[in-house]
Amino acid sequence: MYPFFKPMMLAIASRIAVDSNVGMKYRLALATWLTYMDVTSDFYMMRQYFLLGRMGTFVVCLVIMVVHMVMQLLICHLQNRKDKKYMAKGDGVHLSFR
């Protein structure tokens, strides 16, 4: 093997790793933004249903959101029951709709 090959390959690999981390951060930021927009539109529609007196639709939407949140928290607790600190971080993430 040539002496320049390993340093060259390490330089290329580190550059690719940096580029992939940047892409990962953009994907995460986009996913978080889309989630917040989705939750905002859900709350807006629930408010509209409430103001229009469509209580059945309002309650169904509210129950769906609450059940979803409870299921996420339950799964987080089941997966992380041995590490309370990590469980608390997971709860924070789920309660902030991320």
N, C-alpha and C. Protein backbone atom coordinates (compact mmCIF):
# COMPACT_ATOMS: atom_id res chain seq x y z
N MET A 1 0.84 -1.17 0.00
CA MET A 1 0.00 0.00 0.00
C MET A 1 0.89 1.25 0.00
N TYR A 2 0.46 2.27 -0.70
CA TYR A 2 1.23 3.50 -0.79
C TYR A 2 1.09 4.30 0.51
N PRO A 3 2.15 5.01 0.93
CA PRO A 3 2.11 5.73 2.21
C PRO A 3 1.11 6.89 2.21
N PHE A 4 0.77 7.44 1.06
CA PHE A 4 -0.17 8.56 1.02
C PHE A 4 -1.63 8.10 1.02
N PHE A 5 -1.87 6.83 0.81
CA PHE A 5 -3.24 6.34 0.62
C PHE A 5 -4.09 6.47 1.89
N LYS A 6 -3.54 6.03 3.04
CA LYS A 6 -4.31 6.06 4.28
C LYS A 6 -4.65 7.50 4.70
N PRO A 7 -3.69 8.45 4.73
CA PRO A 7 -4.05 9.83 5.08
C PRO A 7 -5.07 10.44 4.11
N MET A 8 -4.92 10.11 2.83
CA MET A 8 -5.86 10.64 1.84
C MET A 8 -7.28 10.11 2.11
N MET A 9 -7.40 8.81 2.37
CA MET A 9 -8.70 8.22 2.62
C MET A 9 -9.32 8.74 3.92
N LEU A 10 -8.49 8.96 4.94
CA LEU A 10 -8.99 9.52 6.20
C LEU A 10 -9.49 10.95 6.00
N ALA A 11 -8.78 11.73 5.19
CA ALA A 11 -9.22 13.09 4.91
C ALA A 11 -10.55 13.10 4.16
N ILE A 12 -10.69 12.23 3.19
CA ILE A 12 -11.95 12.13 2.44
C ILE A 12 -13.08 11.68 3.35
N ALA A 13 -12.82 10.67 4.19
CA ALA A 13 -13.86 10.16 5.08
C ALA A 13 -14.29 11.20 6.10
N SER A 14 -13.34 11.97 6.63
CA SER A 14 -13.72 12.99 7.61
C SER A 14 -14.53 14.11 6.96
N ARG A 15 -14.21 14.43 5.72
CA ARG A 15 -14.97 15.46 5.00
C ARG A 15 -16.40 14.98 4.74
N ILE A 16 -16.56 13.73 4.37
CA ILE A 16 -17.89 13.18 4.13
C ILE A 16 -18.68 13.14 5.44
N ALA A 17 -18.03 12.80 6.54
CA ALA A 17 -18.70 12.76 7.83
C ALA A 17 -19.20 14.14 8.23
N VAL A 18 -18.40 15.18 7.99
CA VAL A 18 -18.83 16.55 8.30
C VAL A 18 -20.03 16.92 7.44
N ASP A 19 -19.97 16.62 6.16
CA ASP A 19 -21.08 16.94 5.26
C ASP A 19 -22.34 16.20 5.66
N SER A 20 -22.22 14.94 6.07
CA SER A 20 -23.41 14.19 6.43
C SER A 20 -24.02 14.70 7.72
N ASN A 21 -23.20 15.19 8.67
CA ASN A 21 -23.74 15.76 9.90
C ASN A 21 -24.53 17.03 9.61
N VAL A 22 -24.04 17.84 8.68
CA VAL A 22 -24.75 19.06 8.32
C VAL A 22 -26.09 18.70 7.70
N GLY A 23 -26.10 17.73 6.81
CA GLY A 23 -27.35 17.30 6.21
C GLY A 23 -28.31 16.74 7.24
N MET A 24 -27.78 16.02 8.21
CA MET A 24 -28.61 15.46 9.27
C MET A 24 -29.24 16.58 10.10
N LYS A 25 -28.48 17.62 10.38
CA LYS A 25 -29.01 18.75 11.15
C LYS A 25 -30.11 19.47 10.39
N TYR A 26 -29.94 19.62 9.07
CA TYR A 26 -30.98 20.25 8.26
C TYR A 26 -32.25 19.40 8.23
N ARG A 27 -32.09 18.09 8.11
CA ARG A 27 -33.25 17.20 8.11
C ARG A 27 -33.97 17.25 9.45
N LEU A 28 -33.21 17.30 10.54
CA LEU A 28 -33.80 17.38 11.87
C LEU A 28 -34.53 18.71 12.04
N ALA A 29 -33.92 19.79 11.61
CA ALA A 29 -34.56 21.10 11.71
C ALA A 29 -35.85 21.15 10.88
N LEU A 30 -35.81 20.59 9.69
CA LEU A 30 -37.00 20.56 8.84
C LEU A 30 -38.10 19.72 9.47
N ALA A 31 -37.74 18.56 10.00
CA ALA A 31 -38.73 17.68 10.64
C ALA A 31 -39.34 18.36 11.87
N THR A 32 -38.52 19.04 12.65
CA THR A 32 -39.04 19.75 13.82
C THR A 32 -39.97 20.87 13.41
N TRP A 33 -39.59 21.64 12.41
CA TRP A 33 -40.44 22.73 11.92
C TRP A 33 -41.77 22.19 11.40
N LEU A 34 -41.73 21.12 10.63
CA LEU A 34 -42.97 20.53 10.11
C LEU A 34 -43.86 20.02 11.23
N THR A 35 -43.26 19.44 12.26
CA THR A 35 -44.03 18.95 13.40
C THR A 35 -44.72 20.10 14.11
N TYR A 36 -43.98 21.18 14.35
CA TYR A 36 -44.59 22.34 15.01
C TYR A 36 -45.70 22.95 14.15
N MET A 37 -45.52 23.01 12.86
CA MET A 37 -46.57 23.53 11.98
C MET A 37 -47.80 22.62 12.02
N ASP A 38 -47.59 21.32 12.06
CA ASP A 38 -48.69 20.37 12.13
C ASP A 38 -49.47 20.52 13.43
N VAL A 39 -48.75 20.61 14.54
CA VAL A 39 -49.42 20.77 15.84
C VAL A 39 -50.15 22.12 15.90
N THR A 40 -49.54 23.15 15.35
CA THR A 40 -50.19 24.47 15.31
C THR A 40 -51.48 24.41 14.51
N SER A 41 -51.44 23.76 13.36
CA SER A 41 -52.67 23.66 12.56
C SER A 41 -53.72 22.80 13.26
N ASP A 42 -53.29 21.76 13.99
CA ASP A 42 -54.24 20.95 14.75
C ASP A 42 -54.93 21.79 15.83
N PHE A 43 -54.15 22.56 16.58
CA PHE A 43 -54.73 23.42 17.61
C PHE A 43 -55.65 24.48 16.99
N TYR A 44 -55.24 25.03 15.86
CA TYR A 44 -56.08 26.03 15.19
C TYR A 44 -57.42 25.42 14.78
N MET A 45 -57.39 24.23 14.19
CA MET A 45 -58.64 23.59 13.76
C MET A 45 -59.49 23.21 14.96
N MET A 46 -58.85 22.76 16.04
CA MET A 46 -59.62 22.45 17.24
C MET A 46 -60.29 23.70 17.80
N ARG A 47 -59.59 24.82 17.75
CA ARG A 47 -60.17 26.09 18.20
C ARG A 47 -61.36 26.47 17.32
N GLN A 48 -61.23 26.28 16.01
CA GLN A 48 -62.33 26.60 15.10
C GLN A 48 -63.54 25.72 15.39
N TYR A 49 -63.30 24.42 15.60
CA TYR A 49 -64.41 23.52 15.94
C TYR A 49 -65.09 23.97 17.23
N PHE A 50 -64.30 24.37 18.22
CA PHE A 50 -64.85 24.81 19.49
C PHE A 50 -65.68 26.08 19.31
N LEU A 51 -65.15 27.04 18.56
CA LEU A 51 -65.86 28.31 18.35
C LEU A 51 -67.14 28.13 17.52
N LEU A 52 -67.14 27.16 16.61
CA LEU A 52 -68.33 26.90 15.80
C LEU A 52 -69.35 26.02 16.51
N GLY A 53 -69.01 25.56 17.70
CA GLY A 53 -69.93 24.74 18.46
C GLY A 53 -69.93 23.27 18.05
N ARG A 54 -68.96 22.85 17.28
CA ARG A 54 -68.87 21.45 16.87
C ARG A 54 -68.09 20.69 17.94
N MET A 55 -68.75 20.50 19.08
CA MET A 55 -68.08 19.94 20.25
C MET A 55 -67.68 18.48 20.04
N GLY A 56 -68.46 17.73 19.29
CA GLY A 56 -68.11 16.33 19.03
C GLY A 56 -66.79 16.22 18.30
N THR A 57 -66.62 17.01 17.25
CA THR A 57 -65.38 16.99 16.47
C THR A 57 -64.21 17.51 17.32
N PHE A 58 -64.48 18.55 18.10
CA PHE A 58 -63.45 19.10 18.98
C PHE A 58 -62.97 18.04 19.98
N VAL A 59 -63.90 17.34 20.61
CA VAL A 59 -63.54 16.34 21.62
C VAL A 59 -62.79 15.18 20.98
N VAL A 60 -63.23 14.74 19.79
CA VAL A 60 -62.53 13.64 19.11
C VAL A 60 -61.08 14.05 18.81
N CYS A 61 -60.87 15.24 18.30
CA CYS A 61 -59.50 15.71 18.01
C CYS A 61 -58.67 15.80 19.29
N LEU A 62 -59.27 16.31 20.35
CA LEU A 62 -58.57 16.43 21.62
C LEU A 62 -58.20 15.07 22.17
N VAL A 63 -59.12 14.12 22.10
CA VAL A 63 -58.85 12.76 22.59
C VAL A 63 -57.74 12.11 21.78
N ILE A 64 -57.76 12.29 20.47
CA ILE A 64 -56.70 11.71 19.63
C ILE A 64 -55.34 12.26 20.03
N MET A 65 -55.26 13.58 20.24
CA MET A 65 -53.97 14.18 20.63
C MET A 65 -53.52 13.69 22.00
N VAL A 66 -54.44 13.60 22.96
CA VAL A 66 -54.08 13.17 24.31
C VAL A 66 -53.66 11.70 24.31
N VAL A 67 -54.40 10.84 23.61
CA VAL A 67 -54.05 9.42 23.56
C VAL A 67 -52.68 9.24 22.90
N HIS A 68 -52.43 9.98 21.84
CA HIS A 68 -51.13 9.90 21.17
C HIS A 68 -50.01 10.29 22.11
N MET A 69 -50.19 11.37 22.86
CA MET A 69 -49.16 11.85 23.78
C MET A 69 -48.94 10.83 24.91
N VAL A 70 -50.02 10.27 25.44
CA VAL A 70 -49.90 9.29 26.52
C VAL A 70 -49.18 8.04 26.03
N MET A 71 -49.49 7.60 24.82
CA MET A 71 -48.82 6.42 24.27
C MET A 71 -47.33 6.67 24.08
N GLN A 72 -46.96 7.86 23.59
CA GLN A 72 -45.55 8.18 23.43
C GLN A 72 -44.83 8.18 24.78
N LEU A 73 -45.45 8.77 25.79
CA LEU A 73 -44.83 8.80 27.11
C LEU A 73 -44.72 7.40 27.70
N LEU A 74 -45.74 6.58 27.51
CA LEU A 74 -45.70 5.21 28.02
C LEU A 74 -44.58 4.41 27.36
N ILE A 75 -44.46 4.52 26.06
CA ILE A 75 -43.39 3.81 25.35
C ILE A 75 -42.02 4.31 25.80
N CYS A 76 -41.89 5.62 25.99
CA CYS A 76 -40.62 6.18 26.47
C CYS A 76 -40.28 5.63 27.85
N HIS A 77 -41.27 5.54 28.72
CA HIS A 77 -41.03 5.02 30.06
C HIS A 77 -40.67 3.53 30.03
N LEU A 78 -41.33 2.79 29.17
CA LEU A 78 -41.02 1.36 29.07
C LEU A 78 -39.61 1.13 28.52
N GLN A 79 -39.22 1.92 27.53
CA GLN A 79 -37.90 1.74 26.94
C GLN A 79 -36.77 2.20 27.85
N ASN A 80 -37.03 3.20 28.68
CA ASN A 80 -35.95 3.82 29.46
C ASN A 80 -36.16 3.69 30.96
N ARG A 81 -36.82 2.64 31.41
CA ARG A 81 -37.14 2.51 32.83
C ARG A 81 -35.90 2.34 33.70
N LYS A 82 -34.77 1.95 33.12
CA LYS A 82 -33.55 1.76 33.92
C LYS A 82 -32.75 3.05 34.07
N ASP A 83 -32.94 3.99 33.17
CA ASP A 83 -32.17 5.23 33.19
C ASP A 83 -33.14 6.41 33.35
N LYS A 84 -33.33 6.85 34.58
CA LYS A 84 -34.32 7.90 34.89
C LYS A 84 -33.95 9.24 34.25
N LYS A 85 -32.67 9.54 34.16
CA LYS A 85 -32.24 10.81 33.56
C LYS A 85 -32.60 10.85 32.07
N TYR A 86 -32.33 9.75 31.39
CA TYR A 86 -32.66 9.68 29.96
C TYR A 86 -34.17 9.68 29.76
N MET A 87 -34.90 9.06 30.70
CA MET A 87 -36.35 9.05 30.62
C MET A 87 -36.91 10.47 30.74
N ALA A 88 -36.34 11.26 31.62
CA ALA A 88 -36.79 12.64 31.79
C ALA A 88 -36.53 13.45 30.52
N LYS A 89 -35.39 13.24 29.89
CA LYS A 89 -35.10 13.93 28.63
C LYS A 89 -36.10 13.52 27.55
N GLY A 90 -36.41 12.22 27.48
CA GLY A 90 -37.39 11.74 26.50
C GLY A 90 -38.76 12.33 26.74
N ASP A 91 -39.15 12.45 28.02
CA ASP A 91 -40.44 13.06 28.33
C ASP A 91 -40.48 14.52 27.86
N GLY A 92 -39.39 15.22 28.07
CA GLY A 92 -39.33 16.61 27.61
C GLY A 92 -39.46 16.73 26.12
N VAL A 93 -38.82 15.84 25.41
CA VAL A 93 -38.91 15.85 23.94
C VAL A 93 -40.35 15.59 23.49
N HIS A 94 -40.98 14.60 24.10
CA HIS A 94 -42.35 14.26 23.69
C HIS A 94 -43.34 15.36 24.06
N LEU A 95 -43.16 15.96 25.23
CA LEU A 95 -44.10 17.01 25.65
C LEU A 95 -43.92 18.30 24.86
N SER A 96 -42.77 18.46 24.21
CA SER A 96 -42.56 19.65 23.40
C SER A 96 -42.92 19.39 21.92
N PHE A 97 -43.58 18.27 21.66
CA PHE A 97 -44.07 17.89 20.32
C PHE A 97 -42.94 17.72 19.31
N ARG A 98 -41.77 17.28 19.71
CA ARG A 98 -40.69 17.05 18.76
C ARG A 98 -40.71 15.63 18.28
